[in-house]
Amino acid sequence: MSDSGLTHLDPLGRARMVDVTPKEPTHRRAVARCRVTMKPETTAKVASNAINKGDVLGAARIAGIQAAKRTAELIPLCHPLLVGSVYVNFQIGDDYVDVEAQVETVDRTGVEMEALTCCSVAALTIYDMCKSIDRSMTVTDLALWEKIGGKSGIWKRPGHENLEEPLF
């Protein structure tokens, strides 16, 4: 750790990737969620697969999975990981689509960034596929909901510690 206590800075204050080689690989999981708000008419078209660009949720799921696998290429100090599994789920409301991403691995560092990247890229794909009919959409509330594994063990979003199952 640097003199400043920041793990991604060396003693001279230069950016560095944290050395995780001394750590033992353990099972790790992270869950992230976000919401894409949109007009009710847009949500109805997504739900009925009536968007003329194609299957919005199918494309968003594939985009999210691909993003999780490529997170280290996008986040400069993120470690490349062998991603073991990625699940992307959606819940459609009256004027929104909730996105949930779950990523797992057995490695020396966690998959929080992979879950967050997966979730955000899936949401951006929904936006991209629906923007021709609804430019008022917003992507909101991107957050880590749970992480399991590593030295810090289990962490759940405060206020949701008793949540055993995914929201959807």
N, C-alpha and C. Protein backbone atom coordinates (compact mmCIF):
# COMPACT_ATOMS: atom_id res chain seq x y z
N MET A 1 0.85 -1.16 0.00
CA MET A 1 0.00 0.00 0.00
C MET A 1 0.90 1.23 0.00
N SER A 2 0.48 2.30 -0.68
CA SER A 2 1.28 3.52 -0.74
C SER A 2 1.24 4.24 0.59
N ASP A 3 2.12 5.24 0.75
CA ASP A 3 2.15 6.02 1.98
C ASP A 3 0.82 6.71 2.25
N SER A 4 0.08 7.04 1.20
CA SER A 4 -1.20 7.72 1.36
C SER A 4 -2.31 6.77 1.79
N GLY A 5 -2.04 5.45 1.77
CA GLY A 5 -3.06 4.48 2.13
C GLY A 5 -3.92 4.07 0.95
N LEU A 6 -3.65 4.60 -0.23
CA LEU A 6 -4.42 4.25 -1.41
C LEU A 6 -3.76 3.05 -2.10
N THR A 7 -4.52 2.00 -2.31
CA THR A 7 -3.96 0.75 -2.81
C THR A 7 -3.53 0.81 -4.27
N HIS A 8 -4.07 1.74 -5.05
CA HIS A 8 -3.75 1.80 -6.47
C HIS A 8 -2.68 2.85 -6.79
N LEU A 9 -1.96 3.30 -5.76
CA LEU A 9 -0.84 4.22 -5.95
C LEU A 9 0.40 3.61 -5.35
N ASP A 10 1.53 3.73 -6.07
CA ASP A 10 2.79 3.25 -5.51
C ASP A 10 3.35 4.31 -4.56
N PRO A 11 4.48 4.04 -3.89
CA PRO A 11 5.02 5.02 -2.93
C PRO A 11 5.33 6.39 -3.53
N LEU A 12 5.50 6.46 -4.85
CA LEU A 12 5.76 7.74 -5.50
C LEU A 12 4.48 8.41 -6.00
N GLY A 13 3.33 7.79 -5.72
CA GLY A 13 2.05 8.37 -6.12
C GLY A 13 1.62 8.04 -7.54
N ARG A 14 2.28 7.08 -8.16
CA ARG A 14 1.94 6.68 -9.52
C ARG A 14 0.88 5.57 -9.48
N ALA A 15 0.02 5.56 -10.48
CA ALA A 15 -1.01 4.52 -10.58
C ALA A 15 -0.35 3.17 -10.77
N ARG A 16 -0.93 2.16 -10.14
CA ARG A 16 -0.43 0.79 -10.29
C ARG A 16 -1.59 -0.18 -10.10
N MET A 17 -1.41 -1.35 -10.64
CA MET A 17 -2.38 -2.42 -10.41
C MET A 17 -1.98 -3.13 -9.13
N VAL A 18 -2.92 -3.34 -8.25
CA VAL A 18 -2.66 -4.02 -6.98
C VAL A 18 -2.17 -5.43 -7.25
N ASP A 19 -1.18 -5.87 -6.48
CA ASP A 19 -0.64 -7.23 -6.63
C ASP A 19 -1.53 -8.21 -5.87
N VAL A 20 -2.24 -9.06 -6.59
CA VAL A 20 -3.11 -10.06 -5.96
C VAL A 20 -2.50 -11.45 -6.00
N THR A 21 -1.27 -11.57 -6.51
CA THR A 21 -0.67 -12.91 -6.64
C THR A 21 -0.50 -13.64 -5.32
N PRO A 22 -0.26 -12.96 -4.18
CA PRO A 22 -0.14 -13.73 -2.93
C PRO A 22 -1.47 -14.31 -2.43
N LYS A 23 -2.59 -13.82 -2.93
CA LYS A 23 -3.90 -14.27 -2.45
C LYS A 23 -4.23 -15.66 -3.01
N GLU A 24 -5.00 -16.41 -2.23
CA GLU A 24 -5.50 -17.70 -2.68
C GLU A 24 -6.79 -17.48 -3.47
N PRO A 25 -6.98 -18.20 -4.57
CA PRO A 25 -8.25 -18.11 -5.29
C PRO A 25 -9.40 -18.62 -4.42
N THR A 26 -10.51 -17.89 -4.42
CA THR A 26 -11.72 -18.31 -3.72
C THR A 26 -12.92 -18.05 -4.62
N HIS A 27 -14.04 -18.69 -4.27
CA HIS A 27 -15.28 -18.45 -5.00
C HIS A 27 -15.76 -17.03 -4.69
N ARG A 28 -16.11 -16.30 -5.72
CA ARG A 28 -16.57 -14.92 -5.56
C ARG A 28 -17.80 -14.68 -6.43
N ARG A 29 -18.71 -13.90 -5.90
CA ARG A 29 -19.93 -13.55 -6.63
C ARG A 29 -20.27 -12.10 -6.35
N ALA A 30 -20.81 -11.43 -7.36
CA ALA A 30 -21.28 -10.06 -7.18
C ALA A 30 -22.59 -9.89 -7.94
N VAL A 31 -23.49 -9.10 -7.36
CA VAL A 31 -24.78 -8.79 -7.97
C VAL A 31 -24.89 -7.27 -8.06
N ALA A 32 -25.23 -6.78 -9.25
CA ALA A 32 -25.44 -5.35 -9.47
C ALA A 32 -26.82 -5.15 -10.08
N ARG A 33 -27.37 -3.98 -9.84
CA ARG A 33 -28.70 -3.65 -10.39
C ARG A 33 -28.74 -2.21 -10.87
N CYS A 34 -29.61 -1.97 -11.84
CA CYS A 34 -29.90 -0.60 -12.27
C CYS A 34 -31.29 -0.58 -12.89
N ARG A 35 -31.72 0.61 -13.28
CA ARG A 35 -33.06 0.77 -13.84
C ARG A 35 -32.99 1.65 -15.08
N VAL A 36 -33.73 1.26 -16.11
CA VAL A 36 -33.91 2.10 -17.30
C VAL A 36 -35.35 2.59 -17.26
N THR A 37 -35.52 3.89 -17.03
CA THR A 37 -36.88 4.45 -17.03
C THR A 37 -37.22 4.89 -18.44
N MET A 38 -38.50 4.77 -18.77
CA MET A 38 -38.94 5.08 -20.13
C MET A 38 -40.45 5.35 -20.11
N LYS A 39 -40.96 5.81 -21.23
CA LYS A 39 -42.39 6.04 -21.36
C LYS A 39 -43.11 4.68 -21.28
N PRO A 40 -44.32 4.68 -20.72
CA PRO A 40 -45.08 3.42 -20.65
C PRO A 40 -45.27 2.74 -22.02
N GLU A 41 -45.42 3.55 -23.08
CA GLU A 41 -45.58 2.97 -24.41
C GLU A 41 -44.32 2.21 -24.84
N THR A 42 -43.17 2.73 -24.44
CA THR A 42 -41.91 2.07 -24.77
C THR A 42 -41.79 0.75 -24.02
N THR A 43 -42.13 0.79 -22.73
CA THR A 43 -42.08 -0.42 -21.92
C THR A 43 -43.00 -1.49 -22.51
N ALA A 44 -44.19 -1.09 -22.94
CA ALA A 44 -45.13 -2.04 -23.53
C ALA A 44 -44.55 -2.68 -24.79
N LYS A 45 -43.87 -1.87 -25.60
CA LYS A 45 -43.27 -2.42 -26.82
C LYS A 45 -42.10 -3.36 -26.50
N VAL A 46 -41.31 -3.03 -25.48
CA VAL A 46 -40.23 -3.93 -25.08
C VAL A 46 -40.84 -5.25 -24.60
N ALA A 47 -41.88 -5.17 -23.77
CA ALA A 47 -42.51 -6.37 -23.21
C ALA A 47 -43.12 -7.27 -24.28
N SER A 48 -43.66 -6.66 -25.33
CA SER A 48 -44.30 -7.45 -26.39
C SER A 48 -43.37 -7.72 -27.57
N ASN A 49 -42.10 -7.41 -27.39
CA ASN A 49 -41.09 -7.62 -28.43
C ASN A 49 -41.48 -6.93 -29.74
N ALA A 50 -41.97 -5.68 -29.60
CA ALA A 50 -42.44 -4.93 -30.77
C ALA A 50 -41.52 -3.77 -31.15
N ILE A 51 -40.29 -3.77 -30.66
CA ILE A 51 -39.32 -2.75 -31.05
C ILE A 51 -38.74 -3.17 -32.40
N ASN A 52 -38.75 -2.25 -33.37
CA ASN A 52 -38.38 -2.66 -34.73
C ASN A 52 -36.90 -3.03 -34.89
N LYS A 53 -36.05 -2.72 -33.93
CA LYS A 53 -34.65 -3.15 -34.01
C LYS A 53 -34.48 -4.62 -33.64
N GLY A 54 -35.49 -5.21 -32.99
CA GLY A 54 -35.41 -6.62 -32.64
C GLY A 54 -35.65 -6.89 -31.17
N ASP A 55 -35.16 -8.02 -30.72
CA ASP A 55 -35.35 -8.50 -29.36
C ASP A 55 -34.47 -7.69 -28.40
N VAL A 56 -35.06 -6.69 -27.77
CA VAL A 56 -34.32 -5.76 -26.91
C VAL A 56 -33.65 -6.49 -25.75
N LEU A 57 -34.41 -7.27 -25.02
CA LEU A 57 -33.85 -7.92 -23.84
C LEU A 57 -32.85 -9.02 -24.20
N GLY A 58 -33.08 -9.70 -25.30
CA GLY A 58 -32.11 -10.70 -25.76
C GLY A 58 -30.78 -10.05 -26.12
N ALA A 59 -30.83 -8.94 -26.85
CA ALA A 59 -29.61 -8.22 -27.21
C ALA A 59 -28.93 -7.66 -25.97
N ALA A 60 -29.72 -7.12 -25.04
CA ALA A 60 -29.15 -6.55 -23.81
C ALA A 60 -28.48 -7.63 -22.97
N ARG A 61 -29.07 -8.80 -22.92
CA ARG A 61 -28.47 -9.90 -22.15
C ARG A 61 -27.11 -10.29 -22.74
N ILE A 62 -27.04 -10.46 -24.04
CA ILE A 62 -25.78 -10.83 -24.70
C ILE A 62 -24.74 -9.71 -24.53
N ALA A 63 -25.16 -8.47 -24.68
CA ALA A 63 -24.23 -7.34 -24.51
C ALA A 63 -23.68 -7.30 -23.10
N GLY A 64 -24.53 -7.53 -22.10
CA GLY A 64 -24.08 -7.53 -20.72
C GLY A 64 -23.09 -8.64 -20.45
N ILE A 65 -23.36 -9.83 -20.95
CA ILE A 65 -22.45 -10.96 -20.76
C ILE A 65 -21.09 -10.64 -21.39
N GLN A 66 -21.13 -10.13 -22.61
CA GLN A 66 -19.88 -9.78 -23.29
C GLN A 66 -19.12 -8.70 -22.52
N ALA A 67 -19.82 -7.73 -21.99
CA ALA A 67 -19.18 -6.64 -21.23
C ALA A 67 -18.52 -7.18 -19.96
N ALA A 68 -19.18 -8.10 -19.28
CA ALA A 68 -18.59 -8.67 -18.07
C ALA A 68 -17.26 -9.34 -18.39
N LYS A 69 -17.20 -10.03 -19.51
CA LYS A 69 -15.98 -10.74 -19.89
C LYS A 69 -14.86 -9.78 -20.31
N ARG A 70 -15.20 -8.55 -20.67
CA ARG A 70 -14.21 -7.60 -21.18
C ARG A 70 -13.97 -6.42 -20.25
N THR A 71 -14.40 -6.52 -19.02
CA THR A 71 -14.30 -5.41 -18.08
C THR A 71 -12.87 -4.89 -17.93
N ALA A 72 -11.90 -5.77 -17.84
CA ALA A 72 -10.51 -5.33 -17.64
C ALA A 72 -9.99 -4.50 -18.82
N GLU A 73 -10.60 -4.63 -19.98
CA GLU A 73 -10.22 -3.81 -21.13
C GLU A 73 -10.78 -2.40 -21.03
N LEU A 74 -11.80 -2.21 -20.20
CA LEU A 74 -12.46 -0.92 -20.09
C LEU A 74 -12.06 -0.14 -18.84
N ILE A 75 -11.80 -0.83 -17.75
CA ILE A 75 -11.45 -0.20 -16.47
C ILE A 75 -9.94 -0.37 -16.30
N PRO A 76 -9.17 0.72 -16.34
CA PRO A 76 -7.71 0.62 -16.45
C PRO A 76 -7.00 -0.22 -15.40
N LEU A 77 -7.38 -0.19 -14.15
CA LEU A 77 -6.64 -0.91 -13.12
C LEU A 77 -7.35 -2.18 -12.65
N CYS A 78 -8.34 -2.60 -13.42
CA CYS A 78 -9.10 -3.80 -13.10
C CYS A 78 -8.34 -5.03 -13.59
N HIS A 79 -8.30 -6.08 -12.76
CA HIS A 79 -7.60 -7.31 -13.13
C HIS A 79 -8.41 -8.12 -14.14
N PRO A 80 -7.76 -8.69 -15.14
CA PRO A 80 -8.47 -9.62 -16.02
C PRO A 80 -8.79 -10.90 -15.24
N LEU A 81 -10.02 -11.34 -15.33
CA LEU A 81 -10.45 -12.52 -14.58
C LEU A 81 -11.03 -13.56 -15.53
N LEU A 82 -10.96 -14.81 -15.11
CA LEU A 82 -11.67 -15.85 -15.82
C LEU A 82 -13.09 -15.87 -15.24
N VAL A 83 -14.00 -15.28 -15.95
CA VAL A 83 -15.39 -15.20 -15.49
C VAL A 83 -16.01 -16.59 -15.64
N GLY A 84 -16.53 -17.11 -14.53
CA GLY A 84 -17.11 -18.45 -14.54
C GLY A 84 -18.54 -18.48 -15.02
N SER A 85 -19.35 -17.49 -14.62
CA SER A 85 -20.73 -17.43 -15.07
C SER A 85 -21.24 -16.00 -15.00
N VAL A 86 -22.20 -15.70 -15.86
CA VAL A 86 -22.86 -14.40 -15.89
C VAL A 86 -24.34 -14.65 -16.13
N TYR A 87 -25.16 -14.09 -15.27
CA TYR A 87 -26.61 -14.12 -15.45
C TYR A 87 -27.11 -12.69 -15.54
N VAL A 88 -27.97 -12.43 -16.49
CA VAL A 88 -28.58 -11.11 -16.64
C VAL A 88 -30.09 -11.32 -16.66
N ASN A 89 -30.77 -10.67 -15.74
CA ASN A 89 -32.22 -10.79 -15.64
C ASN A 89 -32.87 -9.42 -15.73
N PHE A 90 -34.12 -9.41 -16.13
CA PHE A 90 -34.86 -8.17 -16.31
C PHE A 90 -36.22 -8.28 -15.62
N GLN A 91 -36.69 -7.16 -15.12
CA GLN A 91 -38.05 -7.05 -14.63
C GLN A 91 -38.66 -5.83 -15.28
N ILE A 92 -39.81 -6.04 -15.92
CA ILE A 92 -40.46 -4.94 -16.63
C ILE A 92 -41.58 -4.39 -15.77
N GLY A 93 -41.55 -3.08 -15.53
CA GLY A 93 -42.61 -2.39 -14.82
C GLY A 93 -43.43 -1.56 -15.79
N ASP A 94 -44.27 -0.70 -15.25
CA ASP A 94 -45.11 0.14 -16.10
C ASP A 94 -44.28 1.12 -16.94
N ASP A 95 -43.23 1.69 -16.34
CA ASP A 95 -42.44 2.70 -17.06
C ASP A 95 -40.94 2.51 -16.82
N TYR A 96 -40.53 1.27 -16.69
CA TYR A 96 -39.11 0.98 -16.48
C TYR A 96 -38.80 -0.48 -16.80
N VAL A 97 -37.51 -0.72 -16.98
CA VAL A 97 -36.98 -2.09 -17.03
C VAL A 97 -35.85 -2.12 -16.01
N ASP A 98 -35.96 -2.99 -15.03
CA ASP A 98 -34.88 -3.21 -14.07
C ASP A 98 -33.93 -4.26 -14.65
N VAL A 99 -32.66 -4.03 -14.43
CA VAL A 99 -31.62 -4.94 -14.91
C VAL A 99 -30.87 -5.47 -13.69
N GLU A 100 -30.66 -6.77 -13.64
CA GLU A 100 -29.85 -7.37 -12.59
C GLU A 100 -28.78 -8.24 -13.24
N ALA A 101 -27.54 -8.07 -12.79
CA ALA A 101 -26.43 -8.87 -13.29
C ALA A 101 -25.79 -9.61 -12.12
N GLN A 102 -25.52 -10.88 -12.32
CA GLN A 102 -24.80 -11.69 -11.34
C GLN A 102 -23.61 -12.33 -12.03
N VAL A 103 -22.43 -12.11 -11.45
CA VAL A 103 -21.20 -12.64 -12.04
C VAL A 103 -20.48 -13.47 -10.98
N GLU A 104 -19.93 -14.62 -11.40
CA GLU A 104 -19.20 -15.48 -10.47
C GLU A 104 -17.87 -15.90 -11.08
N THR A 105 -16.92 -16.17 -10.19
CA THR A 105 -15.60 -16.67 -10.58
C THR A 105 -14.98 -17.41 -9.41
N VAL A 106 -13.90 -18.09 -9.67
CA VAL A 106 -12.98 -18.56 -8.64
C VAL A 106 -11.66 -17.90 -8.99
N ASP A 107 -11.27 -16.90 -8.20
CA ASP A 107 -10.08 -16.13 -8.53
C ASP A 107 -9.56 -15.42 -7.29
N ARG A 108 -8.54 -14.58 -7.47
CA ARG A 108 -7.87 -13.88 -6.37
C ARG A 108 -8.47 -12.51 -6.06
N THR A 109 -9.38 -12.06 -6.89
CA THR A 109 -10.00 -10.76 -6.67
C THR A 109 -11.46 -10.84 -7.10
N GLY A 110 -12.24 -9.90 -6.63
CA GLY A 110 -13.69 -9.97 -6.81
C GLY A 110 -14.19 -9.58 -8.18
N VAL A 111 -15.49 -9.78 -8.39
CA VAL A 111 -16.13 -9.52 -9.67
C VAL A 111 -17.14 -8.38 -9.59
N GLU A 112 -16.94 -7.48 -8.63
CA GLU A 112 -17.86 -6.34 -8.51
C GLU A 112 -17.88 -5.50 -9.78
N MET A 113 -16.69 -5.21 -10.31
CA MET A 113 -16.63 -4.37 -11.50
C MET A 113 -17.24 -5.07 -12.71
N GLU A 114 -17.08 -6.38 -12.78
CA GLU A 114 -17.69 -7.13 -13.88
C GLU A 114 -19.21 -7.07 -13.80
N ALA A 115 -19.76 -7.21 -12.59
CA ALA A 115 -21.22 -7.14 -12.43
C ALA A 115 -21.75 -5.74 -12.76
N LEU A 116 -21.06 -4.72 -12.28
CA LEU A 116 -21.48 -3.34 -12.56
C LEU A 116 -21.37 -3.01 -14.05
N THR A 117 -20.31 -3.47 -14.69
CA THR A 117 -20.13 -3.23 -16.12
C THR A 117 -21.19 -3.97 -16.92
N CYS A 118 -21.44 -5.21 -16.57
CA CYS A 118 -22.48 -6.01 -17.22
C CYS A 118 -23.83 -5.30 -17.15
N CYS A 119 -24.18 -4.88 -15.96
CA CYS A 119 -25.47 -4.23 -15.72
C CYS A 119 -25.59 -2.94 -16.54
N SER A 120 -24.55 -2.13 -16.52
CA SER A 120 -24.62 -0.84 -17.22
C SER A 120 -24.66 -1.02 -18.73
N VAL A 121 -23.89 -1.96 -19.27
CA VAL A 121 -23.90 -2.16 -20.72
C VAL A 121 -25.24 -2.78 -21.16
N ALA A 122 -25.81 -3.66 -20.37
CA ALA A 122 -27.14 -4.18 -20.70
C ALA A 122 -28.15 -3.04 -20.73
N ALA A 123 -28.08 -2.14 -19.75
CA ALA A 123 -29.00 -0.99 -19.72
C ALA A 123 -28.77 -0.06 -20.91
N LEU A 124 -27.52 0.18 -21.26
CA LEU A 124 -27.22 1.03 -22.41
C LEU A 124 -27.70 0.40 -23.71
N THR A 125 -27.68 -0.92 -23.78
CA THR A 125 -28.18 -1.61 -24.97
C THR A 125 -29.69 -1.43 -25.08
N ILE A 126 -30.39 -1.51 -23.96
CA ILE A 126 -31.83 -1.24 -23.96
C ILE A 126 -32.07 0.17 -24.48
N TYR A 127 -31.32 1.13 -23.96
CA TYR A 127 -31.45 2.52 -24.42
C TYR A 127 -31.21 2.61 -25.93
N ASP A 128 -30.13 2.01 -26.39
CA ASP A 128 -29.77 2.09 -27.80
C ASP A 128 -30.88 1.52 -28.69
N MET A 129 -31.45 0.41 -28.29
CA MET A 129 -32.45 -0.23 -29.13
C MET A 129 -33.80 0.47 -29.11
N CYS A 130 -34.02 1.32 -28.09
CA CYS A 130 -35.33 1.99 -27.95
C CYS A 130 -35.26 3.50 -28.21
N LYS A 131 -34.06 4.04 -28.43
CA LYS A 131 -33.91 5.49 -28.51
C LYS A 131 -34.67 6.13 -29.67
N SER A 132 -34.92 5.38 -30.73
CA SER A 132 -35.62 5.98 -31.87
C SER A 132 -37.07 6.32 -31.55
N ILE A 133 -37.63 5.67 -30.52
CA ILE A 133 -39.02 5.98 -30.15
C ILE A 133 -39.12 6.69 -28.81
N ASP A 134 -38.01 6.76 -28.05
CA ASP A 134 -38.08 7.38 -26.71
C ASP A 134 -36.71 7.89 -26.29
N ARG A 135 -36.43 9.13 -26.62
CA ARG A 135 -35.15 9.73 -26.22
C ARG A 135 -35.17 10.24 -24.78
N SER A 136 -36.29 10.14 -24.11
CA SER A 136 -36.39 10.62 -22.72
C SER A 136 -35.93 9.59 -21.70
N MET A 137 -35.53 8.40 -22.15
CA MET A 137 -35.11 7.35 -21.23
C MET A 137 -33.94 7.79 -20.37
N THR A 138 -33.86 7.23 -19.17
CA THR A 138 -32.70 7.45 -18.30
C THR A 138 -32.26 6.12 -17.72
N VAL A 139 -30.96 6.02 -17.48
CA VAL A 139 -30.39 4.88 -16.78
C VAL A 139 -30.04 5.37 -15.39
N THR A 140 -30.63 4.75 -14.36
CA THR A 140 -30.45 5.24 -12.99
C THR A 140 -30.13 4.11 -12.03
N ASP A 141 -29.72 4.52 -10.85
CA ASP A 141 -29.59 3.63 -9.69
C ASP A 141 -28.64 2.45 -9.90
N LEU A 142 -27.59 2.63 -10.68
CA LEU A 142 -26.60 1.57 -10.83
C LEU A 142 -25.88 1.39 -9.50
N ALA A 143 -25.91 0.17 -8.96
CA ALA A 143 -25.29 -0.06 -7.66
C ALA A 143 -24.96 -1.53 -7.47
N LEU A 144 -23.94 -1.76 -6.66
CA LEU A 144 -23.63 -3.11 -6.21
C LEU A 144 -24.63 -3.48 -5.12
N TRP A 145 -25.22 -4.66 -5.22
CA TRP A 145 -26.20 -5.12 -4.23
C TRP A 145 -25.64 -6.18 -3.31
N GLU A 146 -24.66 -6.92 -3.82
CA GLU A 146 -24.12 -8.00 -3.00
C GLU A 146 -22.76 -8.40 -3.55
N LYS A 147 -21.86 -8.76 -2.65
CA LYS A 147 -20.61 -9.40 -3.04
C LYS A 147 -20.28 -10.46 -2.02
N ILE A 148 -19.79 -11.58 -2.53
CA ILE A 148 -19.46 -12.71 -1.67
C ILE A 148 -18.07 -13.20 -2.05
N GLY A 149 -17.26 -13.48 -1.04
CA GLY A 149 -15.94 -14.05 -1.26
C GLY A 149 -14.82 -13.10 -0.89
N GLY A 150 -13.63 -13.65 -0.81
CA GLY A 150 -12.47 -12.85 -0.47
C GLY A 150 -12.37 -12.58 1.02
N LYS A 151 -11.39 -11.76 1.37
CA LYS A 151 -11.09 -11.47 2.77
C LYS A 151 -12.27 -10.80 3.50
N SER A 152 -13.01 -9.97 2.78
CA SER A 152 -14.11 -9.25 3.45
C SER A 152 -15.39 -10.06 3.51
N GLY A 153 -15.43 -11.24 2.91
CA GLY A 153 -16.58 -12.13 3.05
C GLY A 153 -17.82 -11.66 2.32
N ILE A 154 -18.93 -11.62 3.04
CA ILE A 154 -20.22 -11.28 2.45
C ILE A 154 -20.55 -9.82 2.75
N TRP A 155 -20.98 -9.10 1.72
CA TRP A 155 -21.47 -7.73 1.88
C TRP A 155 -22.78 -7.63 1.13
N LYS A 156 -23.79 -7.06 1.78
CA LYS A 156 -25.07 -6.80 1.13
C LYS A 156 -25.41 -5.33 1.31
N ARG A 157 -26.08 -4.78 0.31
CA ARG A 157 -26.47 -3.37 0.35
C ARG A 157 -27.20 -3.09 1.66
N PRO A 158 -26.75 -2.07 2.39
CA PRO A 158 -27.42 -1.73 3.66
C PRO A 158 -28.92 -1.53 3.47
N GLY A 159 -29.66 -2.11 4.39
CA GLY A 159 -31.12 -2.06 4.31
C GLY A 159 -31.70 -3.27 3.60
N HIS A 160 -30.84 -4.08 2.99
CA HIS A 160 -31.29 -5.26 2.25
C HIS A 160 -30.51 -6.50 2.68
N GLU A 161 -29.97 -6.48 3.89
CA GLU A 161 -29.14 -7.58 4.38
C GLU A 161 -29.88 -8.89 4.46
N ASN A 162 -31.19 -8.85 4.66
CA ASN A 162 -31.97 -10.09 4.78
C ASN A 162 -32.49 -10.60 3.46
N LEU A 163 -32.16 -9.92 2.39
CA LEU A 163 -32.60 -10.33 1.07
C LEU A 163 -31.84 -11.58 0.66
N GLU A 164 -32.52 -12.71 0.60
CA GLU A 164 -31.88 -13.99 0.27
C GLU A 164 -31.92 -14.25 -1.23
N GLU A 165 -32.97 -13.85 -1.88
CA GLU A 165 -33.15 -14.13 -3.30
C GLU A 165 -33.03 -12.83 -4.09
N PRO A 166 -32.70 -12.94 -5.38
CA PRO A 166 -32.70 -11.75 -6.22
C PRO A 166 -34.09 -11.10 -6.22
N LEU A 167 -34.14 -9.83 -6.56
CA LEU A 167 -35.42 -9.12 -6.60
C LEU A 167 -36.37 -9.75 -7.61
N PHE A 168 -35.82 -10.36 -8.66
CA PHE A 168 -36.66 -10.93 -9.70
C PHE A 168 -35.98 -12.12 -10.31
